[in-house]
Amino acid sequence: MNVRVVLQQGDARLPTLTEVYPGAALYEREVNELMGIEFEGHPSMDRLILPEQWPQGKHPLRKDRTSDTSQGDVSQSATTNV
């Protein structure tokens, strides 16, 4: 299933789909974390991908993100040796 919506730049909020499709929970958390879209009524919006040190309010996949936004030391702390 694909869902497409148009959001206003200053109002990136949608109702959650988790009550209808419980499998949407992880996807909504990922979209929230990487793009900054809020899902109203979501049961748990804990971090999923980005490290805890990642600055709040910085969403790496947002199109309005400027190139002067730096990650600082976060990129180094997110790297792991395998």
Protein backbone atom coordinates (compact mmCIF):
# COMPACT_ATOMS: atom_id res chain seq x y z
CA MET A 1 0.00 0.00 0.00
CA ASN A 2 1.22 3.50 -0.78
CA VAL A 3 -0.13 6.59 0.91
CA ARG A 4 0.61 10.03 -0.49
CA VAL A 5 -0.32 13.25 1.25
CA VAL A 6 0.45 16.90 0.78
CA LEU A 7 1.57 18.69 3.94
CA GLN A 8 2.05 22.35 4.66
CA GLN A 9 5.67 23.24 5.40
CA GLY A 10 4.96 24.53 8.89
CA ASP A 11 2.41 21.83 9.76
CA ALA A 12 3.91 18.39 9.15
CA ARG A 13 1.38 16.35 11.14
CA LEU A 14 -0.81 13.39 10.21
CA PRO A 15 -3.06 11.05 12.18
CA THR A 16 -1.46 7.68 12.86
CA LEU A 17 -2.48 4.57 10.92
CA THR A 18 -1.42 2.18 13.67
CA GLU A 19 -4.98 1.56 14.89
CA VAL A 20 -5.98 0.29 11.44
CA TYR A 21 -2.58 -1.11 10.36
CA PRO A 22 -0.45 -2.04 13.39
CA GLY A 23 2.49 -2.75 11.05
CA ALA A 24 2.67 0.97 10.27
CA ALA A 25 4.19 1.66 13.70
CA LEU A 26 7.83 1.14 12.69
CA TYR A 27 7.39 2.97 9.39
CA GLU A 28 5.83 5.98 11.12
CA ARG A 29 8.70 6.08 13.63
CA GLU A 30 11.21 6.01 10.76
CA VAL A 31 9.43 8.78 8.84
CA ASN A 32 9.19 10.89 12.01
CA GLU A 33 12.86 10.50 12.79
CA LEU A 34 14.26 11.03 9.30
CA MET A 35 11.77 13.56 7.90
CA GLY A 36 10.22 15.22 10.95
CA ILE A 37 6.60 14.33 10.19
CA GLU A 38 4.60 13.91 13.40
CA PHE A 39 1.99 11.16 13.67
CA GLU A 40 -0.72 12.19 16.11
CA GLY A 41 -1.91 9.37 18.35
CA HIS A 42 1.08 7.10 17.69
CA PRO A 43 1.63 4.81 20.71
CA SER A 44 5.43 5.17 20.93
CA MET A 45 7.64 7.58 19.02
CA ASP A 46 10.96 6.42 20.51
CA ARG A 47 14.10 6.73 18.41
CA LEU A 48 14.56 3.96 15.89
CA ILE A 49 17.53 4.70 13.61
CA LEU A 50 19.46 7.80 14.61
CA PRO A 51 21.79 7.67 17.62
CA GLU A 52 20.74 9.24 20.92
CA GLN A 53 23.36 11.96 20.42
CA TRP A 54 21.63 13.19 17.25
CA PRO A 55 20.35 16.76 17.77
CA GLN A 56 16.60 17.10 18.32
CA GLY A 57 14.83 18.81 15.44
CA LYS A 58 17.44 17.82 12.83
CA HIS A 59 15.93 15.51 10.22
CA PRO A 60 18.49 14.23 7.69
CA LEU A 61 16.07 13.48 4.82
CA ARG A 62 14.18 16.78 4.86
CA LYS A 63 14.34 18.60 1.55
CA ASP A 64 14.46 21.97 3.31
CA ARG A 65 17.66 20.96 5.13
CA THR A 66 20.45 23.35 4.19
CA SER A 67 23.94 22.23 3.25
CA ASP A 68 25.44 24.30 6.08
CA THR A 69 23.72 22.04 8.63
CA SER A 70 26.54 19.99 10.04
CA GLN A 71 26.29 16.82 12.03
CA GLY A 72 29.36 17.66 14.06
CA ASP A 73 30.65 14.80 16.17
CA VAL A 74 27.46 12.81 15.68
CA SER A 75 28.71 11.25 12.43
CA GLN A 76 31.77 9.96 14.23
CA SER A 77 29.77 8.50 17.13
CA ALA A 78 27.37 6.78 14.73
CA THR A 79 30.17 4.85 13.01
CA THR A 80 30.87 1.38 14.27
CA ASN A 81 33.71 -1.00 13.54
CA VAL A 82 32.62 -4.46 12.56
